[in-house]
Amino acid sequence: MLFTIDGLGSFISGAILYEETLSWNHSDGESMVKKL
């Protein structure tokens, strides 16, 4: 993920991920799934 911003979910309707991405963590330790 290149960036995060509050409220981003209001502007995107989905994301395409590889299965391995589901287990990755963001640089702040939160899971990518939770970030999305």
PDB file of N, CA and C in Angstrom:
ATOM      1  N   MET A   1       0.851  -1.155   0.000  1.00  0.00           N
ATOM      2  CA  MET A   1       0.000   0.000   0.000  1.00  0.00           C
ATOM      3  C   MET A   1       0.903   1.226   0.000  1.00  0.00           C
ATOM      4  N   LEU A   2       0.655   2.129  -0.917  1.00  0.00           N
ATOM      5  CA  LEU A   2       1.511   3.302  -1.062  1.00  0.00           C
ATOM      6  C   LEU A   2       1.206   4.394  -0.048  1.00  0.00           C
ATOM      7  N   PHE A   3      -0.056   4.531   0.341  1.00  0.00           N
ATOM      8  CA  PHE A   3      -0.425   5.570   1.290  1.00  0.00           C
ATOM      9  C   PHE A   3      -1.731   5.201   1.964  1.00  0.00           C
ATOM     10  N   THR A   4      -2.015   5.844   3.083  1.00  0.00           N
ATOM     11  CA  THR A   4      -3.302   5.693   3.759  1.00  0.00           C
ATOM     12  C   THR A   4      -3.860   7.082   4.027  1.00  0.00           C
ATOM     13  N   ILE A   5      -5.162   7.176   4.112  1.00  0.00           N
ATOM     14  CA  ILE A   5      -5.820   8.449   4.402  1.00  0.00           C
ATOM     15  C   ILE A   5      -7.167   8.135   5.043  1.00  0.00           C
ATOM     16  N   ASP A   6      -7.542   8.914   6.045  1.00  0.00           N
ATOM     17  CA  ASP A   6      -8.835   8.716   6.691  1.00  0.00           C
ATOM     18  C   ASP A   6      -9.957   8.875   5.681  1.00  0.00           C
ATOM     19  N   GLY A   7     -10.919   7.963   5.709  1.00  0.00           N
ATOM     20  CA  GLY A   7     -12.073   8.047   4.831  1.00  0.00           C
ATOM     21  C   GLY A   7     -11.860   7.509   3.433  1.00  0.00           C
ATOM     22  N   LEU A   8     -10.712   6.898   3.166  1.00  0.00           N
ATOM     23  CA  LEU A   8     -10.433   6.391   1.820  1.00  0.00           C
ATOM     24  C   LEU A   8     -11.505   5.400   1.358  1.00  0.00           C
ATOM     25  N   GLY A   9     -12.048   4.637   2.297  1.00  0.00           N
ATOM     26  CA  GLY A   9     -13.073   3.654   1.955  1.00  0.00           C
ATOM     27  C   GLY A   9     -14.326   4.264   1.336  1.00  0.00           C
ATOM     28  N   SER A  10     -14.528   5.542   1.523  1.00  0.00           N
ATOM     29  CA  SER A  10     -15.676   6.224   0.914  1.00  0.00           C
ATOM     30  C   SER A  10     -15.480   6.452  -0.577  1.00  0.00           C
ATOM     31  N   PHE A  11     -14.232   6.323  -1.039  1.00  0.00           N
ATOM     32  CA  PHE A  11     -13.923   6.637  -2.424  1.00  0.00           C
ATOM     33  C   PHE A  11     -13.497   5.440  -3.265  1.00  0.00           C
ATOM     34  N   ILE A  12     -13.242   4.293  -2.628  1.00  0.00           N
ATOM     35  CA  ILE A  12     -12.887   3.084  -3.374  1.00  0.00           C
ATOM     36  C   ILE A  12     -13.922   2.008  -3.073  1.00  0.00           C
ATOM     37  N   SER A  13     -14.167   1.151  -4.029  1.00  0.00           N
ATOM     38  CA  SER A  13     -15.174   0.115  -3.822  1.00  0.00           C
ATOM     39  C   SER A  13     -14.576  -1.277  -3.693  1.00  0.00           C
ATOM     40  N   GLY A  14     -13.273  -1.411  -3.907  1.00  0.00           N
ATOM     41  CA  GLY A  14     -12.658  -2.719  -3.773  1.00  0.00           C
ATOM     42  C   GLY A  14     -11.171  -2.677  -4.034  1.00  0.00           C
ATOM     43  N   ALA A  15     -10.541  -3.797  -3.772  1.00  0.00           N
ATOM     44  CA  ALA A  15      -9.105  -3.933  -4.008  1.00  0.00           C
ATOM     45  C   ALA A  15      -8.835  -5.371  -4.421  1.00  0.00           C
ATOM     46  N   ILE A  16      -7.895  -5.562  -5.304  1.00  0.00           N
ATOM     47  CA  ILE A  16      -7.506  -6.896  -5.747  1.00  0.00           C
ATOM     48  C   ILE A  16      -6.206  -7.256  -5.031  1.00  0.00           C
ATOM     49  N   LEU A  17      -6.226  -8.355  -4.299  1.00  0.00           N
ATOM     50  CA  LEU A  17      -5.072  -8.775  -3.514  1.00  0.00           C
ATOM     51  C   LEU A  17      -4.678 -10.199  -3.859  1.00  0.00           C
ATOM     52  N   TYR A  18      -3.407 -10.492  -3.714  1.00  0.00           N
ATOM     53  CA  TYR A  18      -2.945 -11.874  -3.754  1.00  0.00           C
ATOM     54  C   TYR A  18      -3.194 -12.471  -2.374  1.00  0.00           C
ATOM     55  N   GLU A  19      -3.381 -13.786  -2.306  1.00  0.00           N
ATOM     56  CA  GLU A  19      -3.666 -14.445  -1.035  1.00  0.00           C
ATOM     57  C   GLU A  19      -2.592 -14.152   0.017  1.00  0.00           C
ATOM     58  N   GLU A  20      -1.326 -14.105  -0.395  1.00  0.00           N
ATOM     59  CA  GLU A  20      -0.234 -13.857   0.557  1.00  0.00           C
ATOM     60  C   GLU A  20      -0.327 -12.471   1.188  1.00  0.00           C
ATOM     61  N   THR A  21      -0.955 -11.530   0.498  1.00  0.00           N
ATOM     62  CA  THR A  21      -1.086 -10.166   1.012  1.00  0.00           C
ATOM     63  C   THR A  21      -1.957 -10.128   2.264  1.00  0.00           C
ATOM     64  N   LEU A  22      -2.853 -11.081   2.410  1.00  0.00           N
ATOM     65  CA  LEU A  22      -3.749 -11.104   3.566  1.00  0.00           C
ATOM     66  C   LEU A  22      -3.000 -11.247   4.884  1.00  0.00           C
ATOM     67  N   SER A  23      -1.791 -11.800   4.854  1.00  0.00           N
ATOM     68  CA  SER A  23      -1.021 -11.993   6.085  1.00  0.00           C
ATOM     69  C   SER A  23       0.020 -10.895   6.309  1.00  0.00           C
ATOM     70  N   TRP A  24       0.152  -9.951   5.414  1.00  0.00           N
ATOM     71  CA  TRP A  24       1.134  -8.871   5.554  1.00  0.00           C
ATOM     72  C   TRP A  24       0.676  -7.842   6.580  1.00  0.00           C
ATOM     73  N   ASN A  25       1.634  -7.147   7.167  1.00  0.00           N
ATOM     74  CA  ASN A  25       1.350  -6.042   8.081  1.00  0.00           C
ATOM     75  C   ASN A  25       1.879  -4.744   7.488  1.00  0.00           C
ATOM     76  N   HIS A  26       1.192  -3.661   7.783  1.00  0.00           N
ATOM     77  CA  HIS A  26       1.607  -2.326   7.372  1.00  0.00           C
ATOM     78  C   HIS A  26       2.800  -1.909   8.226  1.00  0.00           C
ATOM     79  N   SER A  27       3.488  -0.859   7.870  1.00  0.00           N
ATOM     80  CA  SER A  27       4.683  -0.418   8.608  1.00  0.00           C
ATOM     81  C   SER A  27       4.382  -0.061  10.066  1.00  0.00           C
ATOM     82  N   ASP A  28       3.130   0.270  10.381  1.00  0.00           N
ATOM     83  CA  ASP A  28       2.777   0.584  11.775  1.00  0.00           C
ATOM     84  C   ASP A  28       2.323  -0.648  12.553  1.00  0.00           C
ATOM     85  N   GLY A  29       2.391  -1.839  11.924  1.00  0.00           N
ATOM     86  CA  GLY A  29       2.055  -3.087  12.600  1.00  0.00           C
ATOM     87  C   GLY A  29       0.630  -3.563  12.393  1.00  0.00           C
ATOM     88  N   GLU A  30      -0.241  -2.716  11.871  1.00  0.00           N
ATOM     89  CA  GLU A  30      -1.629  -3.106  11.629  1.00  0.00           C
ATOM     90  C   GLU A  30      -1.708  -3.931  10.347  1.00  0.00           C
ATOM     91  N   SER A  31      -2.616  -4.910  10.313  1.00  0.00           N
ATOM     92  CA  SER A  31      -2.715  -5.777   9.137  1.00  0.00           C
ATOM     93  C   SER A  31      -3.213  -4.993   7.920  1.00  0.00           C
ATOM     94  N   MET A  32      -2.795  -5.429   6.749  1.00  0.00           N
ATOM     95  CA  MET A  32      -3.236  -4.778   5.509  1.00  0.00           C
ATOM     96  C   MET A  32      -4.752  -4.877   5.355  1.00  0.00           C
ATOM     97  N   VAL A  33      -5.322  -6.002   5.760  1.00  0.00           N
ATOM     98  CA  VAL A  33      -6.774  -6.181   5.656  1.00  0.00           C
ATOM     99  C   VAL A  33      -7.490  -5.129   6.496  1.00  0.00           C
ATOM    100  N   LYS A  34      -7.001  -4.886   7.694  1.00  0.00           N
ATOM    101  CA  LYS A  34      -7.617  -3.879   8.560  1.00  0.00           C
ATOM    102  C   LYS A  34      -7.457  -2.477   7.969  1.00  0.00           C
ATOM    103  N   LYS A  35      -6.304  -2.217   7.357  1.00  0.00           N
ATOM    104  CA  LYS A  35      -6.083  -0.915   6.718  1.00  0.00           C
ATOM    105  C   LYS A  35      -7.075  -0.688   5.585  1.00  0.00           C
ATOM    106  N   LEU A  36      -7.350  -1.741   4.827  1.00  0.00           N
ATOM    107  CA  LEU A  36      -8.295  -1.602   3.720  1.00  0.00           C
ATOM    108  C   LEU A  36      -9.702  -1.455   4.244  1.00  0.00           C
TER     109      LEU A  36
END
